[in-house]
Protein backbone atom coordinates (compact mmCIF):
# COMPACT_ATOMS: atom_id res chain seq x y z
CA MET A 1 7.65 -19.62 3.54
CA GLN A 2 6.78 -19.85 -0.14
CA ARG A 3 3.20 -18.60 0.03
CA PHE A 4 3.34 -17.09 -3.45
CA GLU A 5 4.94 -19.94 -5.35
CA GLY A 6 3.25 -20.17 -8.76
CA LYS A 7 1.47 -16.84 -8.20
CA VAL A 8 1.86 -13.53 -10.04
CA ALA A 9 1.55 -10.10 -8.43
CA LEU A 10 1.39 -6.65 -9.98
CA VAL A 11 2.61 -3.88 -7.67
CA THR A 12 2.06 -0.21 -8.49
CA ALA A 13 4.57 2.43 -7.37
CA GLY A 14 7.09 -0.31 -6.74
CA ALA A 15 10.29 1.66 -7.31
CA GLN A 16 11.05 2.51 -3.69
CA GLY A 17 9.72 2.69 -0.16
CA ILE A 18 6.66 0.59 0.63
CA GLY A 19 6.23 -0.61 -2.96
CA ALA A 20 9.78 -1.89 -3.25
CA ALA A 21 9.50 -3.64 0.14
CA VAL A 22 6.31 -5.37 -1.04
CA VAL A 23 8.02 -6.47 -4.26
CA ARG A 24 10.95 -7.91 -2.31
CA ARG A 25 8.68 -9.70 0.15
CA ILE A 26 6.49 -11.37 -2.48
CA ALA A 27 9.54 -12.36 -4.56
CA ALA A 28 11.24 -13.77 -1.46
CA GLU A 29 8.17 -15.93 -0.89
CA GLY A 30 8.36 -17.40 -4.38
CA GLY A 31 6.06 -15.09 -6.31
CA SER A 32 6.60 -13.61 -9.74
CA VAL A 33 6.20 -9.83 -9.66
CA VAL A 34 5.46 -7.12 -12.19
CA ILE A 35 6.96 -3.92 -10.79
CA THR A 36 5.34 -0.77 -12.13
CA ASP A 37 6.26 2.86 -11.55
CA LEU A 38 6.95 6.13 -13.32
CA GLN A 39 10.64 5.76 -12.41
CA GLN A 40 11.69 3.26 -15.05
CA ASP A 41 15.38 3.22 -14.11
CA LYS A 42 14.58 2.32 -10.50
CA ILE A 43 12.17 -0.50 -11.29
CA GLU A 44 14.59 -1.96 -13.82
CA ALA A 45 17.35 -1.84 -11.20
CA LEU A 46 15.08 -3.58 -8.69
CA ALA A 47 14.15 -6.25 -11.23
CA THR A 48 17.85 -6.85 -11.85
CA GLU A 49 18.51 -7.05 -8.11
CA LEU A 50 15.84 -9.75 -7.77
CA ALA A 51 16.84 -11.71 -10.87
CA ASP A 52 17.89 -14.68 -8.75
CA SER A 53 14.72 -14.78 -6.65
CA ALA A 54 12.42 -17.78 -6.75
CA GLY A 55 9.92 -16.03 -8.99
CA ASP A 56 10.40 -14.02 -12.17
CA VAL A 57 10.46 -10.24 -11.74
CA ILE A 58 9.89 -7.76 -14.58
CA ALA A 59 9.63 -3.98 -14.77
CA VAL A 60 6.82 -2.16 -16.61
CA PRO A 61 6.61 1.67 -16.66
CA LEU A 62 3.20 2.90 -15.52
CA ASP A 63 1.35 6.10 -14.78
CA VAL A 64 -1.88 5.05 -13.04
CA THR A 65 -3.59 8.28 -14.13
CA VAL A 66 -3.47 7.12 -17.76
CA ARG A 67 -5.97 4.37 -18.48
CA GLU A 68 -4.17 3.17 -21.61
CA GLN A 69 -1.00 2.61 -19.57
CA VAL A 70 -2.91 0.72 -16.88
CA ASP A 71 -4.49 -1.56 -19.49
CA ALA A 72 -1.09 -2.07 -21.13
CA ALA A 73 0.59 -3.01 -17.84
CA VAL A 74 -2.05 -5.65 -17.10
CA ALA A 75 -1.81 -6.92 -20.70
CA ALA A 76 1.98 -7.18 -20.36
CA THR A 77 1.49 -9.21 -17.18
CA ILE A 78 -0.83 -11.67 -18.90
CA GLU A 79 1.40 -11.89 -21.97
CA ARG A 80 4.44 -12.74 -19.82
CA PHE A 81 2.88 -14.97 -17.18
CA GLY A 82 -0.57 -15.97 -18.42
CA ARG A 83 -2.23 -15.05 -15.13
CA LEU A 84 -2.62 -12.45 -12.41
CA ASP A 85 -3.24 -13.44 -8.79
CA VAL A 86 -2.51 -10.34 -6.71
CA LEU A 87 -2.87 -6.62 -7.37
CA VAL A 88 -1.18 -4.31 -4.86
CA ASN A 89 -2.47 -0.76 -5.26
CA ASN A 90 0.35 1.32 -3.81
CA ALA A 91 0.41 4.33 -6.14
CA GLY A 92 -0.67 7.59 -4.56
CA GLY A 93 0.65 10.40 -2.44
CA CYS A 94 -0.10 13.75 -0.88
CA ILE A 95 0.24 16.07 -3.87
CA VAL A 96 -1.90 18.98 -2.66
CA SER A 97 -0.10 21.26 -0.19
CA THR A 98 -2.40 24.28 -0.02
CA VAL A 99 -4.66 25.25 2.86
CA PRO A 100 -7.72 23.03 2.26
CA GLU A 101 -10.10 26.00 2.23
CA ASP A 102 -8.09 27.34 -0.71
CA THR A 103 -7.68 24.11 -2.70
CA THR A 104 -8.78 24.54 -6.29
CA ASP A 105 -10.98 22.14 -8.19
CA GLU A 106 -7.89 21.19 -10.18
CA GLY A 107 -6.06 20.34 -6.96
CA TRP A 108 -8.90 18.11 -5.81
CA HIS A 109 -9.08 16.39 -9.18
CA ARG A 110 -5.31 15.75 -9.27
CA GLN A 111 -5.31 14.24 -5.78
CA LEU A 112 -8.34 12.05 -6.36
CA ASP A 113 -7.24 11.00 -9.85
CA LEU A 114 -3.89 9.72 -8.62
CA THR A 115 -4.85 8.11 -5.34
CA LEU A 116 -8.46 6.98 -5.69
CA VAL A 117 -9.32 6.81 -9.39
CA GLY A 118 -5.86 5.42 -10.19
CA ALA A 119 -6.53 2.50 -7.85
CA ALA A 120 -9.96 2.01 -9.42
CA ARG A 121 -8.43 1.89 -12.91
CA CYS A 122 -6.02 -0.82 -11.83
CA ILE A 123 -8.81 -2.85 -10.26
CA GLN A 124 -10.99 -2.54 -13.36
CA ALA A 125 -8.20 -3.70 -15.67
CA SER A 126 -7.21 -6.58 -13.37
CA LEU A 127 -10.65 -7.91 -12.44
CA PRO A 128 -11.24 -10.33 -15.35
CA HIS A 129 -7.95 -12.04 -14.58
CA LEU A 130 -8.44 -12.01 -10.80
CA VAL A 131 -11.81 -13.69 -11.25
CA LYS A 132 -10.12 -16.46 -13.25
CA SER A 133 -7.43 -16.99 -10.63
CA HIS A 134 -9.63 -16.35 -7.56
CA GLY A 135 -7.10 -13.69 -6.76
CA ASN A 136 -7.13 -10.66 -4.51
CA VAL A 137 -6.40 -6.95 -4.23
CA VAL A 138 -4.55 -5.22 -1.40
CA THR A 139 -4.74 -1.43 -1.46
CA ILE A 140 -2.36 0.74 0.53
CA SER A 141 -4.46 3.44 2.16
CA SER A 142 -3.47 5.42 5.26
CA VAL A 143 -4.50 6.13 8.85
CA ASN A 144 -5.42 9.53 7.37
CA GLY A 145 -8.41 7.74 5.86
CA LEU A 146 -9.50 6.54 9.31
CA ALA A 147 -8.94 9.54 11.57
CA ALA A 148 -8.29 13.28 11.40
CA PHE A 149 -4.54 13.69 10.92
CA GLY A 150 -4.78 16.57 8.46
CA ASN A 151 -4.01 16.66 4.72
CA ILE A 152 -7.73 16.80 4.00
CA GLU A 153 -7.62 16.13 0.24
CA TYR A 154 -5.24 13.20 0.71
CA ALA A 155 -7.33 11.89 3.62
CA ALA A 156 -10.51 12.02 1.53
CA ALA A 157 -8.84 10.05 -1.27
CA LYS A 158 -7.53 7.46 1.19
CA ALA A 159 -10.93 7.12 2.86
CA GLY A 160 -12.39 6.62 -0.60
CA GLN A 161 -10.01 3.71 -1.18
CA ILE A 162 -11.37 2.02 1.94
CA ALA A 163 -15.02 2.48 0.95
CA MET A 164 -14.28 1.35 -2.61
CA SER A 165 -12.53 -1.80 -1.39
CA GLN A 166 -15.42 -2.70 0.91
CA ASN A 167 -17.87 -2.39 -1.96
CA PHE A 168 -15.75 -4.42 -4.34
CA ALA A 169 -15.38 -7.07 -1.62
CA ALA A 170 -19.14 -7.37 -1.27
CA ARG A 171 -19.69 -7.39 -5.02
CA TYR A 172 -17.05 -9.96 -6.01
CA GLY A 173 -16.74 -12.18 -2.95
CA SER A 174 -19.03 -14.82 -4.44
CA LEU A 175 -16.65 -15.04 -7.41
CA GLY A 176 -13.74 -15.78 -5.10
CA VAL A 177 -11.99 -12.40 -5.32
CA ARG A 178 -10.91 -10.71 -2.08
CA PHE A 179 -10.31 -6.98 -1.45
CA ASN A 180 -8.48 -5.73 1.61
CA VAL A 181 -6.70 -2.56 2.71
CA VAL A 182 -3.58 -1.80 4.72
CA ALA A 183 -3.56 1.59 6.45
CA PRO A 184 -0.02 2.67 7.40
CA ALA A 185 0.86 5.50 9.73
CA THR A 186 4.24 7.27 9.46
CA ILE A 187 6.69 5.09 7.50
CA ARG A 188 10.36 5.77 6.87
CA THR A 189 10.26 6.28 3.10
CA PRO A 190 12.24 8.57 0.75
CA VAL A 191 9.66 11.35 1.17
CA TRP A 192 11.28 11.95 4.57
CA ASP A 193 14.89 11.94 3.34
CA HIS A 194 15.21 15.71 3.68
CA GLN A 195 13.35 15.87 7.00
CA PRO A 196 15.08 13.35 9.30
CA GLN A 197 14.52 15.47 12.40
CA ALA A 198 10.82 15.81 11.69
CA LEU A 199 10.60 12.05 11.39
CA ASP A 200 12.35 11.54 14.73
CA ASN A 201 10.09 14.08 16.39
CA LEU A 202 7.05 11.97 15.48
CA LYS A 203 8.21 8.96 17.48
CA GLY A 204 6.58 10.25 20.64
CA LEU A 205 3.13 9.93 19.06
CA TYR A 206 3.49 6.16 18.82
CA PRO A 207 2.92 3.72 21.69
CA LEU A 208 5.53 1.42 20.10
CA ALA A 209 7.98 4.33 20.28
CA ARG A 210 9.30 4.10 16.74
CA ILE A 211 8.50 5.05 13.19
CA GLY A 212 7.31 2.31 10.88
CA GLU A 213 9.55 0.73 8.26
CA PRO A 214 8.50 -0.27 4.73
CA GLU A 215 9.02 -3.90 5.73
CA ASP A 216 6.31 -3.55 8.39
CA ILE A 217 3.82 -2.75 5.66
CA ALA A 218 5.16 -5.41 3.31
CA ALA A 219 4.61 -8.06 5.98
CA ALA A 220 0.96 -7.03 6.37
CA VAL A 221 0.42 -6.96 2.60
CA ALA A 222 1.98 -10.41 2.22
CA PHE A 223 -0.36 -11.80 4.87
CA LEU A 224 -3.53 -10.34 3.36
CA ALA A 225 -2.52 -11.36 -0.17
CA SER A 226 -1.64 -14.92 0.84
CA PRO A 227 -3.78 -18.02 1.46
CA ASP A 228 -3.34 -17.35 5.19
CA ALA A 229 -6.01 -14.66 4.78
CA ALA A 230 -8.32 -16.77 2.62
CA TRP A 231 -11.40 -15.89 4.70
CA ILE A 232 -10.65 -12.20 5.12
CA THR A 233 -12.17 -9.67 2.77
CA GLY A 234 -13.49 -6.13 2.97
CA HIS A 235 -11.28 -5.24 5.92
CA THR A 236 -8.79 -2.49 6.69
CA LEU A 237 -5.72 -3.41 8.72
CA PRO A 238 -4.05 -0.42 10.39
CA VAL A 239 -0.28 -0.89 10.63
CA ASP A 240 0.28 2.15 12.76
CA GLY A 241 2.50 1.53 15.78
CA GLY A 242 -0.61 2.04 17.91
CA VAL A 243 -1.17 5.69 16.97
CA LEU A 244 -4.91 5.17 16.49
CA THR A 245 -5.22 4.15 20.15
CA GLY A 246 -4.73 7.73 21.27
CA PRO A 247 -1.96 9.93 22.62
CA GLY A 248 0.93 7.49 22.54
CA LEU A 249 3.57 7.94 25.23
CA LEU A 250 2.24 11.20 26.65
CA ASP A 251 2.02 11.46 30.44
CA LEU A 252 -1.70 11.24 31.15
CA THR A 253 -1.62 11.78 34.92
CA PRO A 254 -0.65 14.83 36.98
CA SER A 255 1.43 12.78 39.42
CA GLY A 256 3.65 10.79 37.12
CA PRO A 257 3.83 8.22 34.33
CA PHE A 258 0.63 6.39 33.52
CA ARG A 259 2.42 3.05 33.32
CA LYS A 260 4.87 1.10 35.43
CA ASP A 261 8.41 1.03 34.07
CA TYR A 262 9.94 -2.43 33.85
CA PRO A 263 13.59 -3.37 33.20
CA THR A 264 14.26 -3.84 29.51
CA ASP A 265 17.51 -5.82 29.75
């Protein structure tokens, strides 16, 4: 499929993990991609890796908490390609590790500034160009924004992304701009590199009996950003291995498994 042929996407936090998988997916489908991240060496290496892809791929350093850098990244996109069709808001993370009752105002501000306000800055800078191209925004939120999985400050920021996207969708739909959200559950990204056992221990929470991969999220992003989702806006798509359905593979009955086991060969 070449769903992004002739299109230009800007991906934040594209150096590794979910962001890098999204970059690879859009480039593989013919799109030109502006990879942004704080880790300049990694985005330049990724751009070099994808030099032979169907679309052009460039690397632009970006800290989404600095408005001047956000504006400059969008300007660099327009200077290079003359258009912007897709914004993928992937920058964010759980940066507050204190007990929530003890979180300082500074901690709250840092979390919200990176995850929620950072996404808003990118949308604001991109909007004039997305209106021209009838483009769209896909924001990477989290199941933490949909249910109580802990990390309260992070969850609040992720829930804010969902509410913000719904409001932008209602406000700009008549101008042809779509806003959607992907909400991942546990994904095998570098943040888990030093906790492989913890990652494996989480498998039992998931009805699909595995941890998600960055490519699972990239596939969902590519769908929502493509013409295949032309009549979808203001929605949040959980990509969660079924964790939001409830207790996963736990035995729910006192007498035995709650499902019939079938041969898997």
